[in-house]
Amino acid sequence: MSTDALARFGHALSDTTRTRILLALRHTPGYPSELADGMGVSRQILSNHLACLRGCGLVVATPEGRRTRYELADPRIGHALDDLIGLVLAVDPSCCPTADTDHCC
């Protein structure tokens, strides 16, 4: 069902680290150690988020010897991310939660 797919996508984007992973993978595959180093997070944290993204069906893992390559499960995910980045939104900071707030209208 399309609502389920959108809910999974929304859940993935609700976390900054998962969003950064998806953005990093939108044009090229990546490896966990390189992604973790590039984002400044521990490999364990990155691994947990990759597991979430795999569970949501947004990324796939391909073993390559002793390493595992991650990429978006479908190129259309990258196109959707590009479209979302291109949106210009007027945001009311008193309404939408940020890292500093936890409330919403």
PDB file of N, CA and C in Angstrom:
ATOM      1  N   MET A   1       0.845  -1.177   0.000  1.00  0.00           N
ATOM      2  CA  MET A   1       0.000   0.000   0.000  1.00  0.00           C
ATOM      3  C   MET A   1       0.892   1.242   0.000  1.00  0.00           C
ATOM      4  N   SER A   2       0.533   2.253  -0.755  1.00  0.00           N
ATOM      5  CA  SER A   2       1.367   3.443  -0.888  1.00  0.00           C
ATOM      6  C   SER A   2       1.480   4.228   0.417  1.00  0.00           C
ATOM      7  N   THR A   3       0.447   4.201   1.252  1.00  0.00           N
ATOM      8  CA  THR A   3       0.544   4.920   2.521  1.00  0.00           C
ATOM      9  C   THR A   3       1.599   4.296   3.414  1.00  0.00           C
ATOM     10  N   ASP A   4       1.740   2.984   3.368  1.00  0.00           N
ATOM     11  CA  ASP A   4       2.779   2.311   4.154  1.00  0.00           C
ATOM     12  C   ASP A   4       4.166   2.728   3.678  1.00  0.00           C
ATOM     13  N   ALA A   5       4.362   2.793   2.370  1.00  0.00           N
ATOM     14  CA  ALA A   5       5.657   3.189   1.821  1.00  0.00           C
ATOM     15  C   ALA A   5       5.985   4.625   2.223  1.00  0.00           C
ATOM     16  N   LEU A   6       4.996   5.517   2.158  1.00  0.00           N
ATOM     17  CA  LEU A   6       5.224   6.905   2.555  1.00  0.00           C
ATOM     18  C   LEU A   6       5.525   7.018   4.042  1.00  0.00           C
ATOM     19  N   ALA A   7       4.855   6.214   4.852  1.00  0.00           N
ATOM     20  CA  ALA A   7       5.113   6.232   6.291  1.00  0.00           C
ATOM     21  C   ALA A   7       6.539   5.766   6.585  1.00  0.00           C
ATOM     22  N   ARG A   8       7.008   4.738   5.882  1.00  0.00           N
ATOM     23  CA  ARG A   8       8.383   4.257   6.077  1.00  0.00           C
ATOM     24  C   ARG A   8       9.374   5.337   5.659  1.00  0.00           C
ATOM     25  N   PHE A   9       9.109   6.001   4.544  1.00  0.00           N
ATOM     26  CA  PHE A   9       9.977   7.067   4.063  1.00  0.00           C
ATOM     27  C   PHE A   9      10.001   8.219   5.073  1.00  0.00           C
ATOM     28  N   GLY A  10       8.832   8.577   5.578  1.00  0.00           N
ATOM     29  CA  GLY A  10       8.750   9.632   6.591  1.00  0.00           C
ATOM     30  C   GLY A  10       9.500   9.267   7.853  1.00  0.00           C
ATOM     31  N   HIS A  11       9.368   8.007   8.285  1.00  0.00           N
ATOM     32  CA  HIS A  11      10.091   7.548   9.475  1.00  0.00           C
ATOM     33  C   HIS A  11      11.589   7.658   9.249  1.00  0.00           C
ATOM     34  N   ALA A  12      12.043   7.258   8.088  1.00  0.00           N
ATOM     35  CA  ALA A  12      13.475   7.330   7.784  1.00  0.00           C
ATOM     36  C   ALA A  12      13.954   8.777   7.832  1.00  0.00           C
ATOM     37  N   LEU A  13      13.191   9.690   7.264  1.00  0.00           N
ATOM     38  CA  LEU A  13      13.597  11.089   7.210  1.00  0.00           C
ATOM     39  C   LEU A  13      13.421  11.817   8.542  1.00  0.00           C
ATOM     40  N   SER A  14      12.739  11.191   9.500  1.00  0.00           N
ATOM     41  CA  SER A  14      12.494  11.852  10.781  1.00  0.00           C
ATOM     42  C   SER A  14      13.743  11.923  11.651  1.00  0.00           C
ATOM     43  N   ASP A  15      14.787  11.223  11.262  1.00  0.00           N
ATOM     44  CA  ASP A  15      16.038  11.237  12.017  1.00  0.00           C
ATOM     45  C   ASP A  15      17.138  11.856  11.152  1.00  0.00           C
ATOM     46  N   THR A  16      17.872  12.793  11.715  1.00  0.00           N
ATOM     47  CA  THR A  16      18.897  13.505  10.960  1.00  0.00           C
ATOM     48  C   THR A  16      19.969  12.569  10.417  1.00  0.00           C
ATOM     49  N   THR A  17      20.397  11.606  11.210  1.00  0.00           N
ATOM     50  CA  THR A  17      21.447  10.689  10.743  1.00  0.00           C
ATOM     51  C   THR A  17      20.949   9.840   9.586  1.00  0.00           C
ATOM     52  N   ARG A  18      19.725   9.328   9.688  1.00  0.00           N
ATOM     53  CA  ARG A  18      19.191   8.524   8.578  1.00  0.00           C
ATOM     54  C   ARG A  18      19.022   9.382   7.327  1.00  0.00           C
ATOM     55  N   THR A  19      18.600  10.628   7.495  1.00  0.00           N
ATOM     56  CA  THR A  19      18.474  11.520   6.353  1.00  0.00           C
ATOM     57  C   THR A  19      19.833  11.739   5.706  1.00  0.00           C
ATOM     58  N   ARG A  20      20.849  11.961   6.513  1.00  0.00           N
ATOM     59  CA  ARG A  20      22.196  12.177   5.981  1.00  0.00           C
ATOM     60  C   ARG A  20      22.703  10.941   5.244  1.00  0.00           C
ATOM     61  N   ILE A  21      22.385   9.762   5.748  1.00  0.00           N
ATOM     62  CA  ILE A  21      22.790   8.521   5.068  1.00  0.00           C
ATOM     63  C   ILE A  21      22.123   8.445   3.701  1.00  0.00           C
ATOM     64  N   LEU A  22      20.816   8.665   3.668  1.00  0.00           N
ATOM     65  CA  LEU A  22      20.099   8.603   2.393  1.00  0.00           C
ATOM     66  C   LEU A  22      20.649   9.624   1.404  1.00  0.00           C
ATOM     67  N   LEU A  23      20.930  10.833   1.884  1.00  0.00           N
ATOM     68  CA  LEU A  23      21.484  11.856   0.993  1.00  0.00           C
ATOM     69  C   LEU A  23      22.867  11.445   0.485  1.00  0.00           C
ATOM     70  N   ALA A  24      23.667  10.840   1.345  1.00  0.00           N
ATOM     71  CA  ALA A  24      25.001  10.400   0.933  1.00  0.00           C
ATOM     72  C   ALA A  24      24.928   9.303  -0.114  1.00  0.00           C
ATOM     73  N   LEU A  25      23.900   8.466  -0.034  1.00  0.00           N
ATOM     74  CA  LEU A  25      23.772   7.333  -0.961  1.00  0.00           C
ATOM     75  C   LEU A  25      22.977   7.676  -2.217  1.00  0.00           C
ATOM     76  N   ARG A  26      22.437   8.881  -2.319  1.00  0.00           N
ATOM     77  CA  ARG A  26      21.529   9.162  -3.434  1.00  0.00           C
ATOM     78  C   ARG A  26      22.210   9.185  -4.792  1.00  0.00           C
ATOM     79  N   HIS A  27      23.515   9.410  -4.844  1.00  0.00           N
ATOM     80  CA  HIS A  27      24.204   9.439  -6.133  1.00  0.00           C
ATOM     81  C   HIS A  27      25.249   8.340  -6.285  1.00  0.00           C
ATOM     82  N   THR A  28      25.662   7.741  -5.167  1.00  0.00           N
ATOM     83  CA  THR A  28      26.708   6.716  -5.241  1.00  0.00           C
ATOM     84  C   THR A  28      26.608   5.780  -4.043  1.00  0.00           C
ATOM     85  N   PRO A  29      26.931   4.503  -4.229  1.00  0.00           N
ATOM     86  CA  PRO A  29      26.941   3.580  -3.095  1.00  0.00           C
ATOM     87  C   PRO A  29      28.002   3.989  -2.071  1.00  0.00           C
ATOM     88  N   GLY A  30      27.890   3.434  -0.875  1.00  0.00           N
ATOM     89  CA  GLY A  30      28.860   3.744   0.174  1.00  0.00           C
ATOM     90  C   GLY A  30      29.106   2.554   1.076  1.00  0.00           C
ATOM     91  N   TYR A  31      30.153   2.680   1.867  1.00  0.00           N
ATOM     92  CA  TYR A  31      30.554   1.648   2.818  1.00  0.00           C
ATOM     93  C   TYR A  31      30.416   2.206   4.230  1.00  0.00           C
ATOM     94  N   PRO A  32      29.968   1.379   5.177  1.00  0.00           N
ATOM     95  CA  PRO A  32      29.688   1.871   6.525  1.00  0.00           C
ATOM     96  C   PRO A  32      30.833   2.649   7.170  1.00  0.00           C
ATOM     97  N   SER A  33      32.048   2.149   7.094  1.00  0.00           N
ATOM     98  CA  SER A  33      33.151   2.845   7.761  1.00  0.00           C
ATOM     99  C   SER A  33      33.368   4.227   7.160  1.00  0.00           C
ATOM    100  N   GLU A  34      33.276   4.339   5.838  1.00  0.00           N
ATOM    101  CA  GLU A  34      33.454   5.633   5.181  1.00  0.00           C
ATOM    102  C   GLU A  34      32.297   6.577   5.493  1.00  0.00           C
ATOM    103  N   LEU A  35      31.084   6.038   5.508  1.00  0.00           N
ATOM    104  CA  LEU A  35      29.918   6.862   5.841  1.00  0.00           C
ATOM    105  C   LEU A  35      30.019   7.375   7.278  1.00  0.00           C
ATOM    106  N   ALA A  36      30.375   6.490   8.215  1.00  0.00           N
ATOM    107  CA  ALA A  36      30.496   6.886   9.622  1.00  0.00           C
ATOM    108  C   ALA A  36      31.553   7.966   9.791  1.00  0.00           C
ATOM    109  N   ASP A  37      32.708   7.768   9.177  1.00  0.00           N
ATOM    110  CA  ASP A  37      33.778   8.766   9.282  1.00  0.00           C
ATOM    111  C   ASP A  37      33.351  10.094   8.679  1.00  0.00           C
ATOM    112  N   GLY A  38      32.695  10.052   7.527  1.00  0.00           N
ATOM    113  CA  GLY A  38      32.266  11.275   6.862  1.00  0.00           C
ATOM    114  C   GLY A  38      31.207  12.038   7.640  1.00  0.00           C
ATOM    115  N   MET A  39      30.410  11.307   8.415  1.00  0.00           N
ATOM    116  CA  MET A  39      29.333  11.952   9.178  1.00  0.00           C
ATOM    117  C   MET A  39      29.730  12.260  10.611  1.00  0.00           C
ATOM    118  N   GLY A  40      30.872  11.729  11.032  1.00  0.00           N
ATOM    119  CA  GLY A  40      31.308  11.971  12.399  1.00  0.00           C
ATOM    120  C   GLY A  40      30.491  11.239  13.440  1.00  0.00           C
ATOM    121  N   VAL A  41      30.001  10.041  13.078  1.00  0.00           N
ATOM    122  CA  VAL A  41      29.260   9.214  14.032  1.00  0.00           C
ATOM    123  C   VAL A  41      30.000   7.893  14.206  1.00  0.00           C
ATOM    124  N   SER A  42      29.693   7.189  15.280  1.00  0.00           N
ATOM    125  CA  SER A  42      30.343   5.901  15.502  1.00  0.00           C
ATOM    126  C   SER A  42      29.823   4.877  14.494  1.00  0.00           C
ATOM    127  N   ARG A  43      30.605   3.866  14.268  1.00  0.00           N
ATOM    128  CA  ARG A  43      30.192   2.813  13.339  1.00  0.00           C
ATOM    129  C   ARG A  43      28.979   2.064  13.869  1.00  0.00           C
ATOM    130  N   GLN A  44      28.878   1.940  15.193  1.00  0.00           N
ATOM    131  CA  GLN A  44      27.719   1.267  15.784  1.00  0.00           C
ATOM    132  C   GLN A  44      26.441   2.053  15.530  1.00  0.00           C
ATOM    133  N   ILE A  45      26.505   3.364  15.723  1.00  0.00           N
ATOM    134  CA  ILE A  45      25.325   4.200  15.463  1.00  0.00           C
ATOM    135  C   ILE A  45      24.942   4.107  13.998  1.00  0.00           C
ATOM    136  N   LEU A  46      25.927   4.210  13.112  1.00  0.00           N
ATOM    137  CA  LEU A  46      25.645   4.131  11.682  1.00  0.00           C
ATOM    138  C   LEU A  46      25.041   2.773  11.339  1.00  0.00           C
ATOM    139  N   SER A  47      25.587   1.716  11.913  1.00  0.00           N
ATOM    140  CA  SER A  47      25.075   0.370  11.656  1.00  0.00           C
ATOM    141  C   SER A  47      23.610   0.242  12.074  1.00  0.00           C
ATOM    142  N   ASN A  48      23.261   0.814  13.218  1.00  0.00           N
ATOM    143  CA  ASN A  48      21.869   0.765  13.680  1.00  0.00           C
ATOM    144  C   ASN A  48      20.945   1.490  12.700  1.00  0.00           C
ATOM    145  N   HIS A  49      21.377   2.633  12.206  1.00  0.00           N
ATOM    146  CA  HIS A  49      20.554   3.385  11.265  1.00  0.00           C
ATOM    147  C   HIS A  49      20.463   2.671   9.910  1.00  0.00           C
ATOM    148  N   LEU A  50      21.552   2.050   9.474  1.00  0.00           N
ATOM    149  CA  LEU A  50      21.494   1.277   8.228  1.00  0.00           C
ATOM    150  C   LEU A  50      20.519   0.107   8.366  1.00  0.00           C
ATOM    151  N   ALA A  51      20.505  -0.528   9.530  1.00  0.00           N
ATOM    152  CA  ALA A  51      19.566  -1.632   9.764  1.00  0.00           C
ATOM    153  C   ALA A  51      18.124  -1.130   9.673  1.00  0.00           C
ATOM    154  N   CYS A  52      17.871   0.053  10.206  1.00  0.00           N
ATOM    155  CA  CYS A  52      16.536   0.652  10.121  1.00  0.00           C
ATOM    156  C   CYS A  52      16.173   0.922   8.669  1.00  0.00           C
ATOM    157  N   LEU A  53      17.110   1.514   7.926  1.00  0.00           N
ATOM    158  CA  LEU A  53      16.840   1.830   6.525  1.00  0.00           C
ATOM    159  C   LEU A  53      16.645   0.573   5.684  1.00  0.00           C
ATOM    160  N   ARG A  54      17.381  -0.489   6.005  1.00  0.00           N
ATOM    161  CA  ARG A  54      17.165  -1.776   5.309  1.00  0.00           C
ATOM    162  C   ARG A  54      15.781  -2.307   5.640  1.00  0.00           C
ATOM    163  N   GLY A  55      15.417  -2.244   6.918  1.00  0.00           N
ATOM    164  CA  GLY A  55      14.107  -2.724   7.345  1.00  0.00           C
ATOM    165  C   GLY A  55      12.963  -1.957   6.700  1.00  0.00           C
ATOM    166  N   CYS A  56      13.177  -0.675   6.441  1.00  0.00           N
ATOM    167  CA  CYS A  56      12.165   0.147   5.769  1.00  0.00           C
ATOM    168  C   CYS A  56      12.156  -0.086   4.263  1.00  0.00           C
ATOM    169  N   GLY A  57      13.125  -0.867   3.756  1.00  0.00           N
ATOM    170  CA  GLY A  57      13.189  -1.158   2.330  1.00  0.00           C
ATOM    171  C   GLY A  57      13.778  -0.029   1.499  1.00  0.00           C
ATOM    172  N   LEU A  58      14.514   0.886   2.140  1.00  0.00           N
ATOM    173  CA  LEU A  58      15.060   2.036   1.425  1.00  0.00           C
ATOM    174  C   LEU A  58      16.486   1.831   0.934  1.00  0.00           C
ATOM    175  N   VAL A  59      17.250   0.973   1.609  1.00  0.00           N
ATOM    176  CA  VAL A  59      18.611   0.669   1.169  1.00  0.00           C
ATOM    177  C   VAL A  59      18.787  -0.841   1.096  1.00  0.00           C
ATOM    178  N   VAL A  60      19.748  -1.240   0.291  1.00  0.00           N
ATOM    179  CA  VAL A  60      20.108  -2.654   0.192  1.00  0.00           C
ATOM    180  C   VAL A  60      21.601  -2.786   0.452  1.00  0.00           C
ATOM    181  N   ALA A  61      21.981  -3.952   0.962  1.00  0.00           N
ATOM    182  CA  ALA A  61      23.375  -4.234   1.275  1.00  0.00           C
ATOM    183  C   ALA A  61      23.879  -5.332   0.348  1.00  0.00           C
ATOM    184  N   THR A  62      25.083  -5.127  -0.185  1.00  0.00           N
ATOM    185  CA  THR A  62      25.704  -6.109  -1.069  1.00  0.00           C
ATOM    186  C   THR A  62      27.066  -6.465  -0.509  1.00  0.00           C
ATOM    187  N   PRO A  63      27.249  -7.723  -0.085  1.00  0.00           N
ATOM    188  CA  PRO A  63      28.569  -8.122   0.427  1.00  0.00           C
ATOM    189  C   PRO A  63      29.620  -8.063  -0.682  1.00  0.00           C
ATOM    190  N   GLU A  64      30.784  -7.546  -0.321  1.00  0.00           N
ATOM    191  CA  GLU A  64      31.932  -7.490  -1.229  1.00  0.00           C
ATOM    192  C   GLU A  64      33.154  -7.948  -0.446  1.00  0.00           C
ATOM    193  N   GLY A  65      33.365  -9.238  -0.408  1.00  0.00           N
ATOM    194  CA  GLY A  65      34.472  -9.767   0.385  1.00  0.00           C
ATOM    195  C   GLY A  65      34.230  -9.501   1.853  1.00  0.00           C
ATOM    196  N   ARG A  66      35.132  -8.771   2.486  1.00  0.00           N
ATOM    197  CA  ARG A  66      35.005  -8.476   3.911  1.00  0.00           C
ATOM    198  C   ARG A  66      34.217  -7.200   4.171  1.00  0.00           C
ATOM    199  N   ARG A  67      33.819  -6.526   3.131  1.00  0.00           N
ATOM    200  CA  ARG A  67      33.076  -5.270   3.268  1.00  0.00           C
ATOM    201  C   ARG A  67      31.663  -5.431   2.728  1.00  0.00           C
ATOM    202  N   THR A  68      30.826  -4.494   3.084  1.00  0.00           N
ATOM    203  CA  THR A  68      29.452  -4.477   2.579  1.00  0.00           C
ATOM    204  C   THR A  68      29.185  -3.106   1.980  1.00  0.00           C
ATOM    205  N   ARG A  69      28.678  -3.122   0.761  1.00  0.00           N
ATOM    206  CA  ARG A  69      28.337  -1.881   0.062  1.00  0.00           C
ATOM    207  C   ARG A  69      26.843  -1.618   0.234  1.00  0.00           C
ATOM    208  N   TYR A  70      26.514  -0.387   0.534  1.00  0.00           N
ATOM    209  CA  TYR A  70      25.115   0.016   0.681  1.00  0.00           C
ATOM    210  C   TYR A  70      24.747   0.975  -0.440  1.00  0.00           C
ATOM    211  N   GLU A  71      23.517   0.830  -0.905  1.00  0.00           N
ATOM    212  CA  GLU A  71      22.998   1.746  -1.910  1.00  0.00           C
ATOM    213  C   GLU A  71      21.488   1.840  -1.758  1.00  0.00           C
ATOM    214  N   LEU A  72      20.914   2.858  -2.383  1.00  0.00           N
ATOM    215  CA  LEU A  72      19.470   3.002  -2.335  1.00  0.00           C
ATOM    216  C   LEU A  72      18.825   1.803  -3.005  1.00  0.00           C
ATOM    217  N   ALA A  73      17.716   1.352  -2.470  1.00  0.00           N
ATOM    218  CA  ALA A  73      17.026   0.177  -3.000  1.00  0.00           C
ATOM    219  C   ALA A  73      16.435   0.440  -4.383  1.00  0.00           C
ATOM    220  N   ASP A  74      16.171   1.704  -4.684  1.00  0.00           N
ATOM    221  CA  ASP A  74      15.572   2.063  -5.968  1.00  0.00           C
ATOM    222  C   ASP A  74      16.056   3.466  -6.326  1.00  0.00           C
ATOM    223  N   PRO A  75      16.502   3.693  -7.545  1.00  0.00           N
ATOM    224  CA  PRO A  75      16.985   5.026  -7.925  1.00  0.00           C
ATOM    225  C   PRO A  75      15.940   6.124  -7.750  1.00  0.00           C
ATOM    226  N   ARG A  76      14.671   5.757  -7.763  1.00  0.00           N
ATOM    227  CA  ARG A  76      13.611   6.756  -7.596  1.00  0.00           C
ATOM    228  C   ARG A  76      13.643   7.393  -6.210  1.00  0.00           C
ATOM    229  N   ILE A  77      14.220   6.685  -5.227  1.00  0.00           N
ATOM    230  CA  ILE A  77      14.364   7.272  -3.892  1.00  0.00           C
ATOM    231  C   ILE A  77      15.275   8.490  -3.974  1.00  0.00           C
ATOM    232  N   GLY A  78      16.360   8.375  -4.726  1.00  0.00           N
ATOM    233  CA  GLY A  78      17.270   9.502  -4.913  1.00  0.00           C
ATOM    234  C   GLY A  78      16.586  10.661  -5.609  1.00  0.00           C
ATOM    235  N   HIS A  79      15.766  10.362  -6.611  1.00  0.00           N
ATOM    236  CA  HIS A  79      15.030  11.412  -7.316  1.00  0.00           C
ATOM    237  C   HIS A  79      14.042  12.106  -6.365  1.00  0.00           C
ATOM    238  N   ALA A  80      13.387  11.315  -5.514  1.00  0.00           N
ATOM    239  CA  ALA A  80      12.445  11.890  -4.549  1.00  0.00           C
ATOM    240  C   ALA A  80      13.182  12.803  -3.563  1.00  0.00           C
ATOM    241  N   LEU A  81      14.352  12.368  -3.117  1.00  0.00           N
ATOM    242  CA  LEU A  81      15.146  13.210  -2.220  1.00  0.00           C
ATOM    243  C   LEU A  81      15.553  14.510  -2.907  1.00  0.00           C
ATOM    244  N   ASP A  82      15.978  14.413  -4.158  1.00  0.00           N
ATOM    245  CA  ASP A  82      16.338  15.620  -4.910  1.00  0.00           C
ATOM    246  C   ASP A  82      15.149  16.563  -5.024  1.00  0.00           C
ATOM    247  N   ASP A  83      13.967  16.007  -5.274  1.00  0.00           N
ATOM    248  CA  ASP A  83      12.758  16.830  -5.368  1.00  0.00           C
ATOM    249  C   ASP A  83      12.452  17.505  -4.027  1.00  0.00           C
ATOM    250  N   LEU A  84      12.592  16.760  -2.930  1.00  0.00           N
ATOM    251  CA  LEU A  84      12.328  17.331  -1.607  1.00  0.00           C
ATOM    252  C   LEU A  84      13.323  18.438  -1.280  1.00  0.00           C
ATOM    253  N   ILE A  85      14.579  18.245  -1.630  1.00  0.00           N
ATOM    254  CA  ILE A  85      15.595  19.262  -1.378  1.00  0.00           C
ATOM    255  C   ILE A  85      15.270  20.534  -2.150  1.00  0.00           C
ATOM    256  N   GLY A  86      14.699  20.375  -3.329  1.00  0.00           N
ATOM    257  CA  GLY A  86      14.383  21.514  -4.181  1.00  0.00           C
ATOM    258  C   GLY A  86      13.194  22.331  -3.725  1.00  0.00           C
ATOM    259  N   LEU A  87      12.417  21.820  -2.787  1.00  0.00           N
ATOM    260  CA  LEU A  87      11.256  22.561  -2.297  1.00  0.00           C
ATOM    261  C   LEU A  87      11.691  23.759  -1.464  1.00  0.00           C
ATOM    262  N   VAL A  88      10.997  24.849  -1.642  1.00  0.00           N
ATOM    263  CA  VAL A  88      11.219  26.021  -0.815  1.00  0.00           C
ATOM    264  C   VAL A  88       9.983  26.142   0.063  1.00  0.00           C
ATOM    265  N   LEU A  89      10.188  26.035   1.367  1.00  0.00           N
ATOM    266  CA  LEU A  89       9.060  26.072   2.289  1.00  0.00           C
ATOM    267  C   LEU A  89       9.153  27.292   3.193  1.00  0.00           C
ATOM    268  N   ALA A  90       8.016  27.890   3.453  1.00  0.00           N
ATOM    269  CA  ALA A  90       7.942  28.949   4.454  1.00  0.00           C
ATOM    270  C   ALA A  90       7.635  28.268   5.774  1.00  0.00           C
ATOM    271  N   VAL A  91       8.569  28.304   6.682  1.00  0.00           N
ATOM    272  CA  VAL A  91       8.432  27.580   7.941  1.00  0.00           C
ATOM    273  C   VAL A  91       8.227  28.560   9.082  1.00  0.00           C
ATOM    274  N   ASP A  92       7.223  28.288   9.893  1.00  0.00           N
ATOM    275  CA  ASP A  92       6.990  29.062  11.103  1.00  0.00           C
ATOM    276  C   ASP A  92       7.786  28.390  12.215  1.00  0.00           C
ATOM    277  N   PRO A  93       8.903  28.990  12.652  1.00  0.00           N
ATOM    278  CA  PRO A  93       9.761  28.332  13.636  1.00  0.00           C
ATOM    279  C   PRO A  93       9.065  28.069  14.964  1.00  0.00           C
ATOM    280  N   SER A  94       7.984  28.783  15.253  1.00  0.00           N
ATOM    281  CA  SER A  94       7.280  28.538  16.511  1.00  0.00           C
ATOM    282  C   SER A  94       6.376  27.315  16.416  1.00  0.00           C
ATOM    283  N   CYS A  95       6.187  26.803  15.195  1.00  0.00           N
ATOM    284  CA  CYS A  95       5.257  25.687  15.005  1.00  0.00           C
ATOM    285  C   CYS A  95       5.969  24.372  14.759  1.00  0.00           C
ATOM    286  N   CYS A  96       7.019  24.389  13.957  1.00  0.00           N
ATOM    287  CA  CYS A  96       7.671  23.152  13.555  1.00  0.00           C
ATOM    288  C   CYS A  96       8.861  22.849  14.447  1.00  0.00           C
ATOM    289  N   PRO A  97       8.936  21.631  14.975  1.00  0.00           N
ATOM    290  CA  PRO A  97      10.033  21.285  15.881  1.00  0.00           C
ATOM    291  C   PRO A  97      11.383  21.290  15.159  1.00  0.00           C
ATOM    292  N   THR A  98      12.403  21.686  15.890  1.00  0.00           N
ATOM    293  CA  THR A  98      13.777  21.622  15.417  1.00  0.00           C
ATOM    294  C   THR A  98      14.575  20.875  16.457  1.00  0.00           C
ATOM    295  N   ALA A  99      15.879  20.867  16.300  1.00  0.00           N
ATOM    296  CA  ALA A  99      16.727  20.208  17.288  1.00  0.00           C
ATOM    297  C   ALA A  99      16.594  20.876  18.654  1.00  0.00           C
ATOM    298  N   ASP A 100      16.197  22.176  18.677  1.00  0.00           N
ATOM    299  CA  ASP A 100      16.095  22.917  19.931  1.00  0.00           C
ATOM    300  C   ASP A 100      14.720  22.826  20.566  1.00  0.00           C
ATOM    301  N   THR A 101      13.708  22.397  19.819  1.00  0.00           N
ATOM    302  CA  THR A 101      12.351  22.348  20.360  1.00  0.00           C
ATOM    303  C   THR A 101      11.763  20.963  20.108  1.00  0.00           C
ATOM    304  N   ASP A 102      10.744  20.662  20.851  1.00  0.00           N
ATOM    305  CA  ASP A 102      10.100  19.370  20.649  1.00  0.00           C
ATOM    306  C   ASP A 102       8.584  19.508  20.578  1.00  0.00           C
ATOM    307  N   HIS A 103       8.102  20.670  20.215  1.00  0.00           N
ATOM    308  CA  HIS A 103       6.655  20.855  20.111  1.00  0.00           C
ATOM    309  C   HIS A 103       6.251  21.104  18.665  1.00  0.00           C
ATOM    310  N   CYS A 104       5.012  20.886  18.399  1.00  0.00           N
ATOM    311  CA  CYS A 104       4.459  21.145  17.082  1.00  0.00           C
ATOM    312  C   CYS A 104       3.030  21.636  17.266  1.00  0.00           C
ATOM    313  N   CYS A 105       2.558  22.376  16.310  1.00  0.00           N
ATOM    314  CA  CYS A 105       1.185  22.931  16.386  1.00  0.00           C
ATOM    315  C   CYS A 105       0.157  21.835  16.530  1.00  0.00           C
TER     316      CYS A 105
END
